[in-house]
N, C-alpha and C. Protein backbone atom coordinates (compact mmCIF):
# COMPACT_ATOMS: atom_id res chain seq x y z
N MET A 1 1.10 42.99 -18.89
CA MET A 1 1.07 42.49 -20.25
C MET A 1 -0.38 42.28 -20.67
N ASN A 2 -0.61 42.27 -21.94
CA ASN A 2 -1.93 42.04 -22.50
C ASN A 2 -2.07 40.56 -22.84
N ILE A 3 -3.18 39.97 -22.39
CA ILE A 3 -3.52 38.59 -22.74
C ILE A 3 -4.98 38.57 -23.17
N GLN A 4 -5.40 37.43 -23.64
CA GLN A 4 -6.83 37.22 -23.91
C GLN A 4 -7.32 36.20 -22.90
N LEU A 5 -8.34 36.55 -22.14
CA LEU A 5 -8.95 35.65 -21.18
C LEU A 5 -10.32 35.27 -21.69
N ASN A 6 -10.48 34.03 -22.08
CA ASN A 6 -11.75 33.55 -22.64
C ASN A 6 -12.24 34.48 -23.75
N GLY A 7 -11.31 34.93 -24.58
CA GLY A 7 -11.66 35.75 -25.74
C GLY A 7 -11.71 37.25 -25.50
N GLU A 8 -11.52 37.68 -24.24
CA GLU A 8 -11.56 39.11 -23.93
C GLU A 8 -10.16 39.60 -23.58
N ARG A 9 -9.78 40.74 -24.09
CA ARG A 9 -8.47 41.32 -23.79
C ARG A 9 -8.43 41.75 -22.33
N ARG A 10 -7.32 41.41 -21.66
CA ARG A 10 -7.13 41.79 -20.27
C ARG A 10 -5.69 42.25 -20.08
N GLN A 11 -5.49 43.16 -19.17
CA GLN A 11 -4.15 43.63 -18.80
C GLN A 11 -3.83 43.02 -17.44
N ILE A 12 -2.71 42.29 -17.34
CA ILE A 12 -2.30 41.69 -16.07
C ILE A 12 -0.82 41.96 -15.83
N ALA A 13 -0.43 41.84 -14.57
CA ALA A 13 0.98 42.00 -14.21
C ALA A 13 1.66 40.64 -14.03
N ALA A 14 0.88 39.59 -13.83
CA ALA A 14 1.41 38.25 -13.54
C ALA A 14 2.29 37.75 -14.68
N GLN A 15 3.29 36.96 -14.30
CA GLN A 15 4.22 36.41 -15.28
C GLN A 15 4.04 34.91 -15.51
N ASP A 16 3.22 34.25 -14.66
CA ASP A 16 2.96 32.83 -14.86
C ASP A 16 1.47 32.56 -14.66
N LEU A 17 1.05 31.38 -15.05
CA LEU A 17 -0.38 31.06 -15.02
C LEU A 17 -0.96 31.07 -13.61
N ALA A 18 -0.25 30.51 -12.64
CA ALA A 18 -0.76 30.48 -11.26
C ALA A 18 -0.96 31.89 -10.73
N ALA A 19 0.00 32.76 -10.96
CA ALA A 19 -0.10 34.15 -10.50
C ALA A 19 -1.22 34.89 -11.24
N ALA A 20 -1.42 34.58 -12.50
CA ALA A 20 -2.50 35.21 -13.27
C ALA A 20 -3.86 34.83 -12.69
N LEU A 21 -4.03 33.55 -12.36
CA LEU A 21 -5.30 33.11 -11.78
C LEU A 21 -5.54 33.81 -10.45
N GLU A 22 -4.50 33.98 -9.67
CA GLU A 22 -4.64 34.69 -8.39
C GLU A 22 -5.01 36.15 -8.63
N GLU A 23 -4.32 36.79 -9.55
CA GLU A 23 -4.60 38.20 -9.87
C GLU A 23 -6.02 38.39 -10.38
N LEU A 24 -6.52 37.41 -11.11
CA LEU A 24 -7.86 37.50 -11.68
C LEU A 24 -8.95 37.03 -10.71
N GLY A 25 -8.56 36.64 -9.50
CA GLY A 25 -9.52 36.21 -8.50
C GLY A 25 -10.02 34.79 -8.70
N LEU A 26 -9.25 33.98 -9.41
CA LEU A 26 -9.69 32.62 -9.72
C LEU A 26 -8.83 31.54 -9.07
N ALA A 27 -7.93 31.93 -8.18
CA ALA A 27 -6.99 30.97 -7.60
C ALA A 27 -7.69 29.89 -6.79
N ALA A 28 -8.76 30.22 -6.10
CA ALA A 28 -9.46 29.25 -5.25
C ALA A 28 -10.51 28.44 -6.02
N ALA A 29 -10.80 28.83 -7.24
CA ALA A 29 -11.85 28.16 -8.01
C ALA A 29 -11.35 26.84 -8.59
N VAL A 30 -12.26 25.89 -8.72
CA VAL A 30 -11.96 24.62 -9.40
C VAL A 30 -12.22 24.85 -10.88
N VAL A 31 -11.13 24.99 -11.64
CA VAL A 31 -11.25 25.30 -13.06
C VAL A 31 -10.23 24.49 -13.86
N ALA A 32 -10.51 24.34 -15.13
CA ALA A 32 -9.56 23.78 -16.08
C ALA A 32 -8.94 24.96 -16.81
N THR A 33 -7.65 24.85 -17.14
CA THR A 33 -6.96 25.95 -17.79
C THR A 33 -6.23 25.48 -19.05
N ALA A 34 -6.14 26.39 -20.00
CA ALA A 34 -5.36 26.15 -21.22
C ALA A 34 -4.69 27.46 -21.62
N VAL A 35 -3.48 27.36 -22.11
CA VAL A 35 -2.75 28.51 -22.64
C VAL A 35 -2.47 28.23 -24.11
N ASN A 36 -2.94 29.12 -24.95
CA ASN A 36 -2.78 28.97 -26.41
C ASN A 36 -3.25 27.61 -26.90
N GLY A 37 -4.37 27.15 -26.35
CA GLY A 37 -4.98 25.90 -26.80
C GLY A 37 -4.42 24.64 -26.19
N GLU A 38 -3.42 24.76 -25.32
CA GLU A 38 -2.80 23.59 -24.69
C GLU A 38 -3.24 23.50 -23.23
N PHE A 39 -3.84 22.35 -22.86
CA PHE A 39 -4.28 22.13 -21.49
C PHE A 39 -3.10 22.25 -20.53
N VAL A 40 -3.32 22.91 -19.39
CA VAL A 40 -2.29 23.04 -18.36
C VAL A 40 -2.87 22.49 -17.05
N PRO A 41 -2.32 21.37 -16.55
CA PRO A 41 -2.82 20.81 -15.29
C PRO A 41 -2.46 21.71 -14.11
N VAL A 42 -3.17 21.55 -13.02
CA VAL A 42 -2.93 22.35 -11.82
C VAL A 42 -1.47 22.29 -11.40
N SER A 43 -0.88 21.12 -11.47
CA SER A 43 0.51 20.93 -11.02
C SER A 43 1.53 21.70 -11.86
N ALA A 44 1.15 22.13 -13.06
CA ALA A 44 2.09 22.83 -13.94
C ALA A 44 1.82 24.33 -14.05
N ARG A 45 0.81 24.83 -13.37
CA ARG A 45 0.44 26.24 -13.53
C ARG A 45 1.53 27.20 -13.12
N GLN A 46 2.20 26.93 -11.99
CA GLN A 46 3.24 27.84 -11.52
C GLN A 46 4.44 27.85 -12.46
N ALA A 47 4.68 26.76 -13.14
CA ALA A 47 5.82 26.65 -14.05
C ALA A 47 5.47 27.02 -15.49
N THR A 48 4.26 27.53 -15.71
CA THR A 48 3.82 27.90 -17.05
C THR A 48 3.90 29.41 -17.22
N PRO A 49 4.94 29.90 -17.92
CA PRO A 49 5.07 31.34 -18.10
C PRO A 49 4.04 31.88 -19.08
N LEU A 50 3.68 33.13 -18.90
CA LEU A 50 2.79 33.82 -19.84
C LEU A 50 3.59 34.89 -20.56
N THR A 51 3.27 35.11 -21.81
CA THR A 51 3.91 36.16 -22.59
C THR A 51 2.85 37.03 -23.25
N GLU A 52 3.26 38.19 -23.66
CA GLU A 52 2.38 39.16 -24.31
C GLU A 52 1.56 38.48 -25.41
N GLY A 53 0.23 38.67 -25.34
CA GLY A 53 -0.65 38.16 -26.38
C GLY A 53 -1.14 36.74 -26.20
N ASP A 54 -0.70 36.05 -25.13
CA ASP A 54 -1.16 34.68 -24.92
C ASP A 54 -2.68 34.63 -24.77
N ALA A 55 -3.25 33.51 -25.18
CA ALA A 55 -4.68 33.27 -25.03
C ALA A 55 -4.88 32.29 -23.88
N LEU A 56 -5.55 32.75 -22.83
CA LEU A 56 -5.80 31.94 -21.65
C LEU A 56 -7.28 31.58 -21.62
N GLU A 57 -7.54 30.28 -21.49
CA GLU A 57 -8.92 29.80 -21.35
C GLU A 57 -9.08 29.24 -19.95
N VAL A 58 -10.12 29.66 -19.27
CA VAL A 58 -10.42 29.18 -17.92
C VAL A 58 -11.86 28.70 -17.95
N LEU A 59 -12.04 27.40 -17.68
CA LEU A 59 -13.37 26.79 -17.77
C LEU A 59 -13.76 26.14 -16.46
N SER A 60 -15.01 26.36 -16.04
CA SER A 60 -15.55 25.71 -14.85
C SER A 60 -16.22 24.42 -15.26
N PRO A 61 -16.09 23.37 -14.44
CA PRO A 61 -16.78 22.11 -14.77
C PRO A 61 -18.29 22.31 -14.67
N MET A 62 -19.01 21.61 -15.52
CA MET A 62 -20.48 21.68 -15.51
C MET A 62 -21.02 20.39 -14.94
N GLN A 63 -22.10 20.50 -14.20
CA GLN A 63 -22.76 19.33 -13.66
C GLN A 63 -24.14 19.22 -14.27
N GLY A 64 -24.63 18.05 -14.28
CA GLY A 64 -25.97 17.86 -14.82
C GLY A 64 -26.06 16.53 -15.56
N GLY A 65 -27.16 16.32 -16.15
CA GLY A 65 -27.31 15.03 -16.79
C GLY A 65 -28.15 15.10 -17.93
C-alpha cells in the first residue's frame, strides 16, 4: 500500500504500524509515532492498522539544551 512517511510517499506491505516500522528498519529505534496526526504510543502500535494513503510521522527525540 502507499503511505506518506514524514511527507514522502512510500510503498509498504505492512498492515499495521508495528509491522511498518519493522519493514522500514525502525523497529529498534526509540521514536515517537503518529498516524494521520494522532499520536500512537508504543503499546498501541501493533493494534494500529494502516490503510492506503495514511500519513505516518516518525520522530526521534532530540537532546540538547
